[in-house]
Structures are given as C-alpha cells and as structure tokens.
Amino acid sequence: MTAAAHHHDSHGAGHGDHGAGHGSLGSYAIGFVLSVILTAIPFYMVIDGGFSRHATLLTMVILGLVQVVVHLICFLHMNFSSEGRWNVMAFIFTAIIILLVVGLSLWIIYTADTLMMPMP
C-alpha cells in the first residue's frame, strides 16, 4: 500500500460525516429567503418615505436583530444540541469580549475628550 493510499484510507473513514453540525439545502434556502425579506422591508420603508423616522428606525433595529438570529441559526448552525452547545458558549464569550472592548474603548475616549476640554 502506498503512502498516498494509506493516507486516503485513514482520512476518509469519517470525513464528511459531521451530522447535525452542517445545514441542508433547505435550511440555507429558508435562511436566504428570510434574509432577503428582512432586508427588503427596511429598504422599502426608507425608499417610500411615508413612514415616520421613529417607526423606520425602530423597524430597522428590530428586523436587524431578527436577521442576526436568522443568520446564527440558518448559516452558522447555532443550536443548543449537545454538539452545538460549545459553539453557542464560544459565541457568547466572544460577543461579551467584543462588547467590553468596544464599550470600554468608547468610555475611555469620551472621558479623555471630557478631561481635555478647556475650562471656562
């Protein structure tokens, strides 16, 4: 048996057999259609101009958050199964770290700006 054949045999045993971690064509199609709809609604509201600014902004924020959830479920396959639980925990940890870095950076910049303002 050659080295290449041996490598292929040992590697191919479980390759591509990932189970629930990967989505199906149907889940990708559902995610795509939902993403298009959730993007088209705010675009229509802005282009139409017949809605109040407050309603448009509120709709954009809410549908944006819904779209984040759709992407997490349909494309990134975040779920609370035994296999997906670690991915969810890693995502939550990463989100907390990013929020801390961005939030504390903004706080530092605001404080530095306030302290550097000339006194009246």
PDB file of N, CA and C in Angstrom:
ATOM      1  N   MET A   1       0.854  -1.166   0.000  1.00  0.00           N
ATOM      2  CA  MET A   1       0.000   0.000   0.000  1.00  0.00           C
ATOM      3  C   MET A   1       0.900   1.229   0.000  1.00  0.00           C
ATOM      4  N   THR A   2       0.608   2.168  -0.875  1.00  0.00           N
ATOM      5  CA  THR A   2       1.425   3.369  -0.962  1.00  0.00           C
ATOM      6  C   THR A   2       1.039   4.327   0.157  1.00  0.00           C
ATOM      7  N   ALA A   3       1.921   5.303   0.351  1.00  0.00           N
ATOM      8  CA  ALA A   3       1.666   6.289   1.403  1.00  0.00           C
ATOM      9  C   ALA A   3       0.417   7.101   1.093  1.00  0.00           C
ATOM     10  N   ALA A   4       0.210   7.417  -0.192  1.00  0.00           N
ATOM     11  CA  ALA A   4      -0.964   8.209  -0.571  1.00  0.00           C
ATOM     12  C   ALA A   4      -2.252   7.426  -0.330  1.00  0.00           C
ATOM     13  N   ALA A   5      -2.243   6.141  -0.674  1.00  0.00           N
ATOM     14  CA  ALA A   5      -3.437   5.323  -0.464  1.00  0.00           C
ATOM     15  C   ALA A   5      -3.712   5.138   1.015  1.00  0.00           C
ATOM     16  N   HIS A   6      -2.654   4.955   1.795  1.00  0.00           N
ATOM     17  CA  HIS A   6      -2.815   4.805   3.236  1.00  0.00           C
ATOM     18  C   HIS A   6      -3.387   6.083   3.847  1.00  0.00           C
ATOM     19  N   HIS A   7      -2.879   7.216   3.401  1.00  0.00           N
ATOM     20  CA  HIS A   7      -3.372   8.495   3.922  1.00  0.00           C
ATOM     21  C   HIS A   7      -4.849   8.665   3.568  1.00  0.00           C
ATOM     22  N   HIS A   8      -5.223   8.305   2.354  1.00  0.00           N
ATOM     23  CA  HIS A   8      -6.609   8.460   1.918  1.00  0.00           C
ATOM     24  C   HIS A   8      -7.544   7.528   2.695  1.00  0.00           C
ATOM     25  N   ASP A   9      -7.114   6.292   2.915  1.00  0.00           N
ATOM     26  CA  ASP A   9      -7.952   5.339   3.636  1.00  0.00           C
ATOM     27  C   ASP A   9      -8.170   5.762   5.076  1.00  0.00           C
ATOM     28  N   SER A  10      -7.127   6.218   5.742  1.00  0.00           N
ATOM     29  CA  SER A  10      -7.275   6.582   7.149  1.00  0.00           C
ATOM     30  C   SER A  10      -8.024   7.898   7.302  1.00  0.00           C
ATOM     31  N   HIS A  11      -7.916   8.756   6.305  1.00  0.00           N
ATOM     32  CA  HIS A  11      -8.562  10.054   6.399  1.00  0.00           C
ATOM     33  C   HIS A  11     -10.026   9.974   5.984  1.00  0.00           C
ATOM     34  N   GLY A  12     -10.359   9.076   5.081  1.00  0.00           N
ATOM     35  CA  GLY A  12     -11.697   9.043   4.520  1.00  0.00           C
ATOM     36  C   GLY A  12     -12.723   8.333   5.372  1.00  0.00           C
ATOM     37  N   ALA A  13     -12.320   7.692   6.447  1.00  0.00           N
ATOM     38  CA  ALA A  13     -13.257   6.897   7.233  1.00  0.00           C
ATOM     39  C   ALA A  13     -14.405   7.734   7.782  1.00  0.00           C
ATOM     40  N   GLY A  14     -14.116   8.864   8.372  1.00  0.00           N
ATOM     41  CA  GLY A  14     -15.182   9.668   8.961  1.00  0.00           C
ATOM     42  C   GLY A  14     -15.320  11.022   8.312  1.00  0.00           C
ATOM     43  N   HIS A  15     -14.619  11.232   7.209  1.00  0.00           N
ATOM     44  CA  HIS A  15     -14.617  12.538   6.566  1.00  0.00           C
ATOM     45  C   HIS A  15     -15.977  12.839   5.943  1.00  0.00           C
ATOM     46  N   GLY A  16     -16.479  14.015   6.203  1.00  0.00           N
ATOM     47  CA  GLY A  16     -17.759  14.413   5.641  1.00  0.00           C
ATOM     48  C   GLY A  16     -18.947  13.866   6.400  1.00  0.00           C
ATOM     49  N   ASP A  17     -18.722  13.192   7.483  1.00  0.00           N
ATOM     50  CA  ASP A  17     -19.796  12.592   8.258  1.00  0.00           C
ATOM     51  C   ASP A  17     -19.986  13.400   9.536  1.00  0.00           C
ATOM     52  N   HIS A  18     -20.364  14.663   9.366  1.00  0.00           N
ATOM     53  CA  HIS A  18     -20.432  15.565  10.510  1.00  0.00           C
ATOM     54  C   HIS A  18     -21.808  15.646  11.136  1.00  0.00           C
ATOM     55  N   GLY A  19     -22.801  15.087  10.545  1.00  0.00           N
ATOM     56  CA  GLY A  19     -24.125  15.026  11.152  1.00  0.00           C
ATOM     57  C   GLY A  19     -24.820  16.362  11.231  1.00  0.00           C
ATOM     58  N   ALA A  20     -25.310  16.697  12.435  1.00  0.00           N
ATOM     59  CA  ALA A  20     -26.168  17.858  12.633  1.00  0.00           C
ATOM     60  C   ALA A  20     -25.422  19.177  12.569  1.00  0.00           C
ATOM     61  N   GLY A  21     -24.103  19.153  12.525  1.00  0.00           N
ATOM     62  CA  GLY A  21     -23.341  20.388  12.516  1.00  0.00           C
ATOM     63  C   GLY A  21     -23.463  21.167  11.225  1.00  0.00           C
ATOM     64  N   HIS A  22     -23.860  20.523  10.141  1.00  0.00           N
ATOM     65  CA  HIS A  22     -23.974  21.183   8.849  1.00  0.00           C
ATOM     66  C   HIS A  22     -25.431  21.253   8.443  1.00  0.00           C
ATOM     67  N   GLY A  23     -25.768  22.348   7.756  1.00  0.00           N
ATOM     68  CA  GLY A  23     -27.142  22.534   7.344  1.00  0.00           C
ATOM     69  C   GLY A  23     -27.445  21.858   6.025  1.00  0.00           C
ATOM     70  N   SER A  24     -28.713  21.752   5.747  1.00  0.00           N
ATOM     71  CA  SER A  24     -29.166  21.178   4.489  1.00  0.00           C
ATOM     72  C   SER A  24     -29.432  22.306   3.498  1.00  0.00           C
ATOM     73  N   LEU A  25     -29.683  21.932   2.267  1.00  0.00           N
ATOM     74  CA  LEU A  25     -30.016  22.915   1.247  1.00  0.00           C
ATOM     75  C   LEU A  25     -31.293  23.663   1.633  1.00  0.00           C
ATOM     76  N   GLY A  26     -32.222  22.949   2.251  1.00  0.00           N
ATOM     77  CA  GLY A  26     -33.471  23.578   2.681  1.00  0.00           C
ATOM     78  C   GLY A  26     -33.258  24.648   3.736  1.00  0.00           C
ATOM     79  N   SER A  27     -32.385  24.385   4.712  1.00  0.00           N
ATOM     80  CA  SER A  27     -32.137  25.387   5.757  1.00  0.00           C
ATOM     81  C   SER A  27     -31.424  26.607   5.187  1.00  0.00           C
ATOM     82  N   TYR A  28     -30.520  26.383   4.216  1.00  0.00           N
ATOM     83  CA  TYR A  28     -29.863  27.518   3.566  1.00  0.00           C
ATOM     84  C   TYR A  28     -30.859  28.329   2.743  1.00  0.00           C
ATOM     85  N   ALA A  29     -31.777  27.655   2.050  1.00  0.00           N
ATOM     86  CA  ALA A  29     -32.781  28.354   1.245  1.00  0.00           C
ATOM     87  C   ALA A  29     -33.724  29.161   2.133  1.00  0.00           C
ATOM     88  N   ILE A  30     -34.156  28.565   3.240  1.00  0.00           N
ATOM     89  CA  ILE A  30     -35.022  29.283   4.181  1.00  0.00           C
ATOM     90  C   ILE A  30     -34.292  30.499   4.744  1.00  0.00           C
ATOM     91  N   GLY A  31     -33.041  30.326   5.126  1.00  0.00           N
ATOM     92  CA  GLY A  31     -32.253  31.445   5.636  1.00  0.00           C
ATOM     93  C   GLY A  31     -32.087  32.544   4.609  1.00  0.00           C
ATOM     94  N   PHE A  32     -31.852  32.158   3.354  1.00  0.00           N
ATOM     95  CA  PHE A  32     -31.691  33.149   2.292  1.00  0.00           C
ATOM     96  C   PHE A  32     -32.978  33.933   2.071  1.00  0.00           C
ATOM     97  N   VAL A  33     -34.099  33.234   1.977  1.00  0.00           N
ATOM     98  CA  VAL A  33     -35.387  33.899   1.737  1.00  0.00           C
ATOM     99  C   VAL A  33     -35.728  34.826   2.905  1.00  0.00           C
ATOM    100  N   LEU A  34     -35.542  34.355   4.129  1.00  0.00           N
ATOM    101  CA  LEU A  34     -35.810  35.207   5.295  1.00  0.00           C
ATOM    102  C   LEU A  34     -34.895  36.427   5.309  1.00  0.00           C
ATOM    103  N   SER A  35     -33.633  36.243   4.959  1.00  0.00           N
ATOM    104  CA  SER A  35     -32.698  37.366   4.932  1.00  0.00           C
ATOM    105  C   SER A  35     -33.099  38.400   3.892  1.00  0.00           C
ATOM    106  N   VAL A  36     -33.530  37.949   2.727  1.00  0.00           N
ATOM    107  CA  VAL A  36     -33.967  38.880   1.680  1.00  0.00           C
ATOM    108  C   VAL A  36     -35.203  39.649   2.144  1.00  0.00           C
ATOM    109  N   ILE A  37     -36.158  38.963   2.738  1.00  0.00           N
ATOM    110  CA  ILE A  37     -37.375  39.624   3.223  1.00  0.00           C
ATOM    111  C   ILE A  37     -37.042  40.619   4.330  1.00  0.00           C
ATOM    112  N   LEU A  38     -36.194  40.197   5.279  1.00  0.00           N
ATOM    113  CA  LEU A  38     -35.846  41.067   6.402  1.00  0.00           C
ATOM    114  C   LEU A  38     -34.988  42.253   5.968  1.00  0.00           C
ATOM    115  N   THR A  39     -34.356  42.173   4.818  1.00  0.00           N
ATOM    116  CA  THR A  39     -33.607  43.304   4.274  1.00  0.00           C
ATOM    117  C   THR A  39     -34.509  44.192   3.425  1.00  0.00           C
ATOM    118  N   ALA A  40     -35.435  43.595   2.686  1.00  0.00           N
ATOM    119  CA  ALA A  40     -36.287  44.358   1.773  1.00  0.00           C
ATOM    120  C   ALA A  40     -37.271  45.263   2.514  1.00  0.00           C
ATOM    121  N   ILE A  41     -37.760  44.828   3.649  1.00  0.00           N
ATOM    122  CA  ILE A  41     -38.753  45.628   4.388  1.00  0.00           C
ATOM    123  C   ILE A  41     -38.178  46.980   4.815  1.00  0.00           C
ATOM    124  N   PRO A  42     -37.016  47.041   5.482  1.00  0.00           N
ATOM    125  CA  PRO A  42     -36.467  48.363   5.821  1.00  0.00           C
ATOM    126  C   PRO A  42     -36.105  49.195   4.584  1.00  0.00           C
ATOM    127  N   PHE A  43     -35.596  48.544   3.527  1.00  0.00           N
ATOM    128  CA  PHE A  43     -35.306  49.280   2.301  1.00  0.00           C
ATOM    129  C   PHE A  43     -36.567  49.932   1.756  1.00  0.00           C
ATOM    130  N   TYR A  44     -37.657  49.198   1.727  1.00  0.00           N
ATOM    131  CA  TYR A  44     -38.917  49.751   1.243  1.00  0.00           C
ATOM    132  C   TYR A  44     -39.362  50.928   2.115  1.00  0.00           C
ATOM    133  N   MET A  45     -39.238  50.777   3.432  1.00  0.00           N
ATOM    134  CA  MET A  45     -39.670  51.850   4.331  1.00  0.00           C
ATOM    135  C   MET A  45     -38.866  53.122   4.104  1.00  0.00           C
ATOM    136  N   VAL A  46     -37.569  52.980   3.867  1.00  0.00           N
ATOM    137  CA  VAL A  46     -36.727  54.157   3.645  1.00  0.00           C
ATOM    138  C   VAL A  46     -37.011  54.770   2.275  1.00  0.00           C
ATOM    139  N   ILE A  47     -37.109  53.931   1.247  1.00  0.00           N
ATOM    140  CA  ILE A  47     -37.331  54.437  -0.107  1.00  0.00           C
ATOM    141  C   ILE A  47     -38.716  55.070  -0.236  1.00  0.00           C
ATOM    142  N   ASP A  48     -39.732  54.481   0.385  1.00  0.00           N
ATOM    143  CA  ASP A  48     -41.091  55.006   0.311  1.00  0.00           C
ATOM    144  C   ASP A  48     -41.185  56.367   0.985  1.00  0.00           C
ATOM    145  N   GLY A  49     -40.568  56.508   2.140  1.00  0.00           N
ATOM    146  CA  GLY A  49     -40.570  57.786   2.838  1.00  0.00           C
ATOM    147  C   GLY A  49     -41.883  58.139   3.509  1.00  0.00           C
ATOM    148  N   GLY A  50     -42.874  57.277   3.454  1.00  0.00           N
ATOM    149  CA  GLY A  50     -44.174  57.568   4.044  1.00  0.00           C
ATOM    150  C   GLY A  50     -44.278  57.224   5.521  1.00  0.00           C
ATOM    151  N   PHE A  51     -43.243  56.653   6.071  1.00  0.00           N
ATOM    152  CA  PHE A  51     -43.258  56.248   7.474  1.00  0.00           C
ATOM    153  C   PHE A  51     -42.502  57.277   8.304  1.00  0.00           C
ATOM    154  N   SER A  52     -42.883  57.390   9.567  1.00  0.00           N
ATOM    155  CA  SER A  52     -42.180  58.331  10.436  1.00  0.00           C
ATOM    156  C   SER A  52     -40.750  57.853  10.663  1.00  0.00           C
ATOM    157  N   ARG A  53     -39.903  58.794  11.004  1.00  0.00           N
ATOM    158  CA  ARG A  53     -38.492  58.461  11.233  1.00  0.00           C
ATOM    159  C   ARG A  53     -38.358  57.469  12.382  1.00  0.00           C
ATOM    160  N   HIS A  54     -39.135  57.678  13.439  1.00  0.00           N
ATOM    161  CA  HIS A  54     -39.079  56.796  14.606  1.00  0.00           C
ATOM    162  C   HIS A  54     -39.502  55.375  14.239  1.00  0.00           C
ATOM    163  N   ALA A  55     -40.585  55.242  13.493  1.00  0.00           N
ATOM    164  CA  ALA A  55     -41.061  53.912  13.094  1.00  0.00           C
ATOM    165  C   ALA A  55     -40.050  53.222  12.186  1.00  0.00           C
ATOM    166  N   THR A  56     -39.441  53.983  11.280  1.00  0.00           N
ATOM    167  CA  THR A  56     -38.451  53.405  10.369  1.00  0.00           C
ATOM    168  C   THR A  56     -37.231  52.916  11.138  1.00  0.00           C
ATOM    169  N   LEU A  57     -36.719  53.736  12.044  1.00  0.00           N
ATOM    170  CA  LEU A  57     -35.543  53.333  12.823  1.00  0.00           C
ATOM    171  C   LEU A  57     -35.844  52.135  13.712  1.00  0.00           C
ATOM    172  N   LEU A  58     -36.995  52.155  14.361  1.00  0.00           N
ATOM    173  CA  LEU A  58     -37.371  51.044  15.231  1.00  0.00           C
ATOM    174  C   LEU A  58     -37.519  49.748  14.431  1.00  0.00           C
ATOM    175  N   THR A  59     -38.151  49.834  13.274  1.00  0.00           N
ATOM    176  CA  THR A  59     -38.304  48.654  12.418  1.00  0.00           C
ATOM    177  C   THR A  59     -36.953  48.146  11.942  1.00  0.00           C
ATOM    178  N   MET A  60     -36.061  49.063  11.566  1.00  0.00           N
ATOM    179  CA  MET A  60     -34.731  48.658  11.103  1.00  0.00           C
ATOM    180  C   MET A  60     -33.960  47.936  12.196  1.00  0.00           C
ATOM    181  N   VAL A  61     -34.021  48.444  13.413  1.00  0.00           N
ATOM    182  CA  VAL A  61     -33.292  47.814  14.518  1.00  0.00           C
ATOM    183  C   VAL A  61     -33.879  46.440  14.837  1.00  0.00           C
ATOM    184  N   ILE A  62     -35.194  46.363  14.936  1.00  0.00           N
ATOM    185  CA  ILE A  62     -35.836  45.084  15.276  1.00  0.00           C
ATOM    186  C   ILE A  62     -35.577  44.036  14.194  1.00  0.00           C
ATOM    187  N   LEU A  63     -35.780  44.403  12.930  1.00  0.00           N
ATOM    188  CA  LEU A  63     -35.559  43.438  11.852  1.00  0.00           C
ATOM    189  C   LEU A  63     -34.076  43.102  11.693  1.00  0.00           C
ATOM    190  N   GLY A  64     -33.200  44.041  12.029  1.00  0.00           N
ATOM    191  CA  GLY A  64     -31.768  43.738  12.014  1.00  0.00           C
ATOM    192  C   GLY A  64     -31.409  42.698  13.060  1.00  0.00           C
ATOM    193  N   LEU A  65     -31.985  42.823  14.249  1.00  0.00           N
ATOM    194  CA  LEU A  65     -31.731  41.830  15.296  1.00  0.00           C
ATOM    195  C   LEU A  65     -32.324  40.472  14.928  1.00  0.00           C
ATOM    196  N   VAL A  66     -33.512  40.484  14.319  1.00  0.00           N
ATOM    197  CA  VAL A  66     -34.109  39.225  13.861  1.00  0.00           C
ATOM    198  C   VAL A  66     -33.222  38.588  12.795  1.00  0.00           C
ATOM    199  N   GLN A  67     -32.657  39.414  11.921  1.00  0.00           N
ATOM    200  CA  GLN A  67     -31.788  38.880  10.875  1.00  0.00           C
ATOM    201  C   GLN A  67     -30.505  38.282  11.457  1.00  0.00           C
ATOM    202  N   VAL A  68     -29.988  38.870  12.514  1.00  0.00           N
ATOM    203  CA  VAL A  68     -28.825  38.278  13.188  1.00  0.00           C
ATOM    204  C   VAL A  68     -29.170  36.881  13.693  1.00  0.00           C
ATOM    205  N   VAL A  69     -30.344  36.741  14.298  1.00  0.00           N
ATOM    206  CA  VAL A  69     -30.774  35.426  14.795  1.00  0.00           C
ATOM    207  C   VAL A  69     -30.940  34.440  13.638  1.00  0.00           C
ATOM    208  N   VAL A  70     -31.523  34.890  12.527  1.00  0.00           N
ATOM    209  CA  VAL A  70     -31.685  34.017  11.353  1.00  0.00           C
ATOM    210  C   VAL A  70     -30.323  33.545  10.851  1.00  0.00           C
ATOM    211  N   HIS A  71     -29.366  34.449  10.772  1.00  0.00           N
ATOM    212  CA  HIS A  71     -28.026  34.074  10.313  1.00  0.00           C
ATOM    213  C   HIS A  71     -27.365  33.095  11.274  1.00  0.00           C
ATOM    214  N   LEU A  72     -27.517  33.332  12.573  1.00  0.00           N
ATOM    215  CA  LEU A  72     -26.911  32.427  13.554  1.00  0.00           C
ATOM    216  C   LEU A  72     -27.494  31.023  13.452  1.00  0.00           C
ATOM    217  N   ILE A  73     -28.788  30.929  13.234  1.00  0.00           N
ATOM    218  CA  ILE A  73     -29.437  29.613  13.189  1.00  0.00           C
ATOM    219  C   ILE A  73     -29.256  28.940  11.831  1.00  0.00           C
ATOM    220  N   CYS A  74     -29.536  29.664  10.750  1.00  0.00           N
ATOM    221  CA  CYS A  74     -29.552  29.035   9.417  1.00  0.00           C
ATOM    222  C   CYS A  74     -28.172  28.876   8.797  1.00  0.00           C
ATOM    223  N   PHE A  75     -27.275  29.821   9.019  1.00  0.00           N
ATOM    224  CA  PHE A  75     -25.984  29.780   8.339  1.00  0.00           C
ATOM    225  C   PHE A  75     -24.842  29.353   9.254  1.00  0.00           C
ATOM    226  N   LEU A  76     -24.870  29.765  10.510  1.00  0.00           N
ATOM    227  CA  LEU A  76     -23.801  29.376  11.439  1.00  0.00           C
ATOM    228  C   LEU A  76     -24.178  28.164  12.277  1.00  0.00           C
ATOM    229  N   HIS A  77     -25.407  27.679  12.136  1.00  0.00           N
ATOM    230  CA  HIS A  77     -25.882  26.449  12.776  1.00  0.00           C
ATOM    231  C   HIS A  77     -25.730  26.479  14.296  1.00  0.00           C
ATOM    232  N   MET A  78     -26.063  27.610  14.899  1.00  0.00           N
ATOM    233  CA  MET A  78     -26.046  27.707  16.351  1.00  0.00           C
ATOM    234  C   MET A  78     -27.309  27.044  16.888  1.00  0.00           C
ATOM    235  N   ASN A  79     -27.136  26.084  17.773  1.00  0.00           N
ATOM    236  CA  ASN A  79     -28.271  25.428  18.402  1.00  0.00           C
ATOM    237  C   ASN A  79     -27.837  24.937  19.776  1.00  0.00           C
ATOM    238  N   PHE A  80     -28.783  24.479  20.542  1.00  0.00           N
ATOM    239  CA  PHE A  80     -28.477  24.040  21.900  1.00  0.00           C
ATOM    240  C   PHE A  80     -28.435  22.525  22.015  1.00  0.00           C
ATOM    241  N   SER A  81     -28.116  21.851  20.914  1.00  0.00           N
ATOM    242  CA  SER A  81     -27.910  20.403  20.998  1.00  0.00           C
ATOM    243  C   SER A  81     -26.598  20.152  21.734  1.00  0.00           C
ATOM    244  N   SER A  82     -26.337  18.915  22.059  1.00  0.00           N
ATOM    245  CA  SER A  82     -25.109  18.616  22.804  1.00  0.00           C
ATOM    246  C   SER A  82     -23.873  18.987  22.002  1.00  0.00           C
ATOM    247  N   GLU A  83     -23.925  18.847  20.674  1.00  0.00           N
ATOM    248  CA  GLU A  83     -22.780  19.204  19.842  1.00  0.00           C
ATOM    249  C   GLU A  83     -22.662  20.713  19.660  1.00  0.00           C
ATOM    250  N   GLY A  84     -23.784  21.400  19.520  1.00  0.00           N
ATOM    251  CA  GLY A  84     -23.763  22.822  19.237  1.00  0.00           C
ATOM    252  C   GLY A  84     -23.634  23.709  20.452  1.00  0.00           C
ATOM    253  N   ARG A  85     -23.795  23.143  21.637  1.00  0.00           N
ATOM    254  CA  ARG A  85     -23.761  23.945  22.861  1.00  0.00           C
ATOM    255  C   ARG A  85     -22.414  24.641  23.050  1.00  0.00           C
ATOM    256  N   TRP A  86     -21.322  23.963  22.717  1.00  0.00           N
ATOM    257  CA  TRP A  86     -19.999  24.575  22.871  1.00  0.00           C
ATOM    258  C   TRP A  86     -19.816  25.730  21.894  1.00  0.00           C
ATOM    259  N   ASN A  87     -20.364  25.603  20.697  1.00  0.00           N
ATOM    260  CA  ASN A  87     -20.290  26.704  19.738  1.00  0.00           C
ATOM    261  C   ASN A  87     -21.060  27.917  20.241  1.00  0.00           C
ATOM    262  N   VAL A  88     -22.212  27.672  20.845  1.00  0.00           N
ATOM    263  CA  VAL A  88     -23.009  28.774  21.389  1.00  0.00           C
ATOM    264  C   VAL A  88     -22.257  29.450  22.533  1.00  0.00           C
ATOM    265  N   MET A  89     -21.659  28.663  23.406  1.00  0.00           N
ATOM    266  CA  MET A  89     -20.897  29.236  24.522  1.00  0.00           C
ATOM    267  C   MET A  89     -19.707  30.048  24.015  1.00  0.00           C
ATOM    268  N   ALA A  90     -19.011  29.541  23.010  1.00  0.00           N
ATOM    269  CA  ALA A  90     -17.880  30.278  22.437  1.00  0.00           C
ATOM    270  C   ALA A  90     -18.358  31.575  21.794  1.00  0.00           C
ATOM    271  N   PHE A  91     -19.511  31.533  21.131  1.00  0.00           N
ATOM    272  CA  PHE A  91     -20.063  32.736  20.516  1.00  0.00           C
ATOM    273  C   PHE A  91     -20.443  33.766  21.578  1.00  0.00           C
ATOM    274  N   ILE A  92     -21.089  33.328  22.643  1.00  0.00           N
ATOM    275  CA  ILE A  92     -21.481  34.248  23.717  1.00  0.00           C
ATOM    276  C   ILE A  92     -20.253  34.869  24.364  1.00  0.00           C
ATOM    277  N   PHE A  93     -19.232  34.064  24.629  1.00  0.00           N
ATOM    278  CA  PHE A  93     -17.995  34.582  25.213  1.00  0.00           C
ATOM    279  C   PHE A  93     -17.363  35.625  24.289  1.00  0.00           C
ATOM    280  N   THR A  94     -17.307  35.321  22.995  1.00  0.00           N
ATOM    281  CA  THR A  94     -16.726  36.258  22.036  1.00  0.00           C
ATOM    282  C   THR A  94     -17.529  37.548  21.980  1.00  0.00           C
ATOM    283  N   ALA A  95     -18.855  37.452  21.992  1.00  0.00           N
ATOM    284  CA  ALA A  95     -19.703  38.642  21.955  1.00  0.00           C
ATOM    285  C   ALA A  95     -19.490  39.505  23.193  1.00  0.00           C
ATOM    286  N   ILE A  96     -19.359  38.879  24.358  1.00  0.00           N
ATOM    287  CA  ILE A  96     -19.120  39.635  25.594  1.00  0.00           C
ATOM    288  C   ILE A  96     -17.783  40.356  25.526  1.00  0.00           C
ATOM    289  N   ILE A  97     -16.746  39.671  25.066  1.00  0.00           N
ATOM    290  CA  ILE A  97     -15.424  40.296  24.964  1.00  0.00           C
ATOM    291  C   ILE A  97     -15.461  41.471  23.991  1.00  0.00           C
ATOM    292  N   ILE A  98     -16.109  41.302  22.842  1.00  0.00           N
ATOM    293  CA  ILE A  98     -16.190  42.392  21.860  1.00  0.00           C
ATOM    294  C   ILE A  98     -16.965  43.572  22.431  1.00  0.00           C
ATOM    295  N   LEU A  99     -18.088  43.310  23.102  1.00  0.00           N
ATOM    296  CA  LEU A  99     -18.852  44.397  23.716  1.00  0.00           C
ATOM    297  C   LEU A  99     -18.039  45.125  24.778  1.00  0.00           C
ATOM    298  N   LEU A 100     -17.284  44.383  25.574  1.00  0.00           N
ATOM    299  CA  LEU A 100     -16.433  45.015  26.581  1.00  0.00           C
ATOM    300  C   LEU A 100     -15.354  45.882  25.939  1.00  0.00           C
ATOM    301  N   VAL A 101     -14.687  45.368  24.932  1.00  0.00           N
ATOM    302  CA  VAL A 101     -13.616  46.128  24.281  1.00  0.00           C
ATOM    303  C   VAL A 101     -14.170  47.392  23.634  1.00  0.00           C
ATOM    304  N   VAL A 102     -15.261  47.278  22.897  1.00  0.00           N
ATOM    305  CA  VAL A 102     -15.840  48.442  22.229  1.00  0.00           C
ATOM    306  C   VAL A 102     -16.407  49.423  23.252  1.00  0.00           C
ATOM    307  N   GLY A 103     -17.177  48.928  24.214  1.00  0.00           N
ATOM    308  CA  GLY A 103     -17.777  49.800  25.216  1.00  0.00           C
ATOM    309  C   GLY A 103     -16.751  50.525  26.068  1.00  0.00           C
ATOM    310  N   LEU A 104     -15.759  49.805  26.547  1.00  0.00           N
ATOM    311  CA  LEU A 104     -14.736  50.442  27.377  1.00  0.00           C
ATOM    312  C   LEU A 104     -13.858  51.384  26.561  1.00  0.00           C
ATOM    313  N   SER A 105     -13.618  51.080  25.300  1.00  0.00           N
ATOM    314  CA  SER A 105     -12.855  51.998  24.441  1.00  0.00           C
ATOM    315  C   SER A 105     -13.618  53.301  24.246  1.00  0.00           C
ATOM    316  N   LEU A 106     -14.921  53.202  24.003  1.00  0.00           N
ATOM    317  CA  LEU A 106     -15.724  54.417  23.866  1.00  0.00           C
ATOM    318  C   LEU A 106     -15.743  55.221  25.159  1.00  0.00           C
ATOM    319  N   TRP A 107     -15.821  54.528  26.283  1.00  0.00           N
ATOM    320  CA  TRP A 107     -15.811  55.210  27.574  1.00  0.00           C
ATOM    321  C   TRP A 107     -14.480  55.934  27.789  1.00  0.00           C
ATOM    322  N   ILE A 108     -13.377  55.289  27.466  1.00  0.00           N
ATOM    323  CA  ILE A 108     -12.056  55.908  27.620  1.00  0.00           C
ATOM    324  C   ILE A 108     -11.928  57.123  26.709  1.00  0.00           C
ATOM    325  N   ILE A 109     -12.371  57.004  25.466  1.00  0.00           N
ATOM    326  CA  ILE A 109     -12.272  58.127  24.529  1.00  0.00           C
ATOM    327  C   ILE A 109     -13.143  59.286  24.995  1.00  0.00           C
ATOM    328  N   TYR A 110     -14.363  59.007  25.457  1.00  0.00           N
ATOM    329  CA  TYR A 110     -15.247  60.059  25.945  1.00  0.00           C
ATOM    330  C   TYR A 110     -14.642  60.742  27.168  1.00  0.00           C
ATOM    331  N   THR A 111     -14.112  59.958  28.099  1.00  0.00           N
ATOM    332  CA  THR A 111     -13.505  60.526  29.305  1.00  0.00           C
ATOM    333  C   THR A 111     -12.286  61.365  28.956  1.00  0.00           C
ATOM    334  N   ALA A 112     -11.449  60.888  28.055  1.00  0.00           N
ATOM    335  CA  ALA A 112     -10.270  61.655  27.650  1.00  0.00           C
ATOM    336  C   ALA A 112     -10.688  62.959  26.980  1.00  0.00           C
ATOM    337  N   ASP A 113     -11.721  62.913  26.157  1.00  0.00           N
ATOM    338  CA  ASP A 113     -12.205  64.120  25.498  1.00  0.00           C
ATOM    339  C   ASP A 113     -12.742  65.110  26.525  1.00  0.00           C
ATOM    340  N   THR A 114     -13.476  64.616  27.515  1.00  0.00           N
ATOM    341  CA  THR A 114     -14.026  65.487  28.555  1.00  0.00           C
ATOM    342  C   THR A 114     -12.914  66.131  29.375  1.00  0.00           C
ATOM    343  N   LEU A 115     -11.894  65.367  29.718  1.00  0.00           N
ATOM    344  CA  LEU A 115     -10.799  65.898  30.526  1.00  0.00           C
ATOM    345  C   LEU A 115      -9.919  66.866  29.745  1.00  0.00           C
ATOM    346  N   MET A 116      -9.916  66.788  28.435  1.00  0.00           N
ATOM    347  CA  MET A 116      -9.071  67.663  27.626  1.00  0.00           C
ATOM    348  C   MET A 116      -9.782  68.940  27.202  1.00  0.00           C
ATOM    349  N   MET A 117     -11.067  69.050  27.490  1.00  0.00           N
ATOM    350  CA  MET A 117     -11.804  70.254  27.122  1.00  0.00           C
ATOM    351  C   MET A 117     -11.313  71.420  27.979  1.00  0.00           C
ATOM    352  N   PRO A 118     -11.199  72.607  27.367  1.00  0.00           N
ATOM    353  CA  PRO A 118     -10.740  73.764  28.153  1.00  0.00           C
ATOM    354  C   PRO A 118     -11.776  74.162  29.200  1.00  0.00           C
ATOM    355  N   MET A 119     -11.277  74.605  30.324  1.00  0.00           N
ATOM    356  CA  MET A 119     -12.162  75.041  31.408  1.00  0.00           C
ATOM    357  C   MET A 119     -12.671  76.444  31.102  1.00  0.00           C
ATOM    358  N   PRO A 120     -13.942  76.749  31.396  1.00  0.00           N
ATOM    359  CA  PRO A 120     -14.491  78.092  31.114  1.00  0.00           C
ATOM    360  C   PRO A 120     -13.958  79.154  32.044  1.00  0.00           C
TER     361      PRO A 120
END
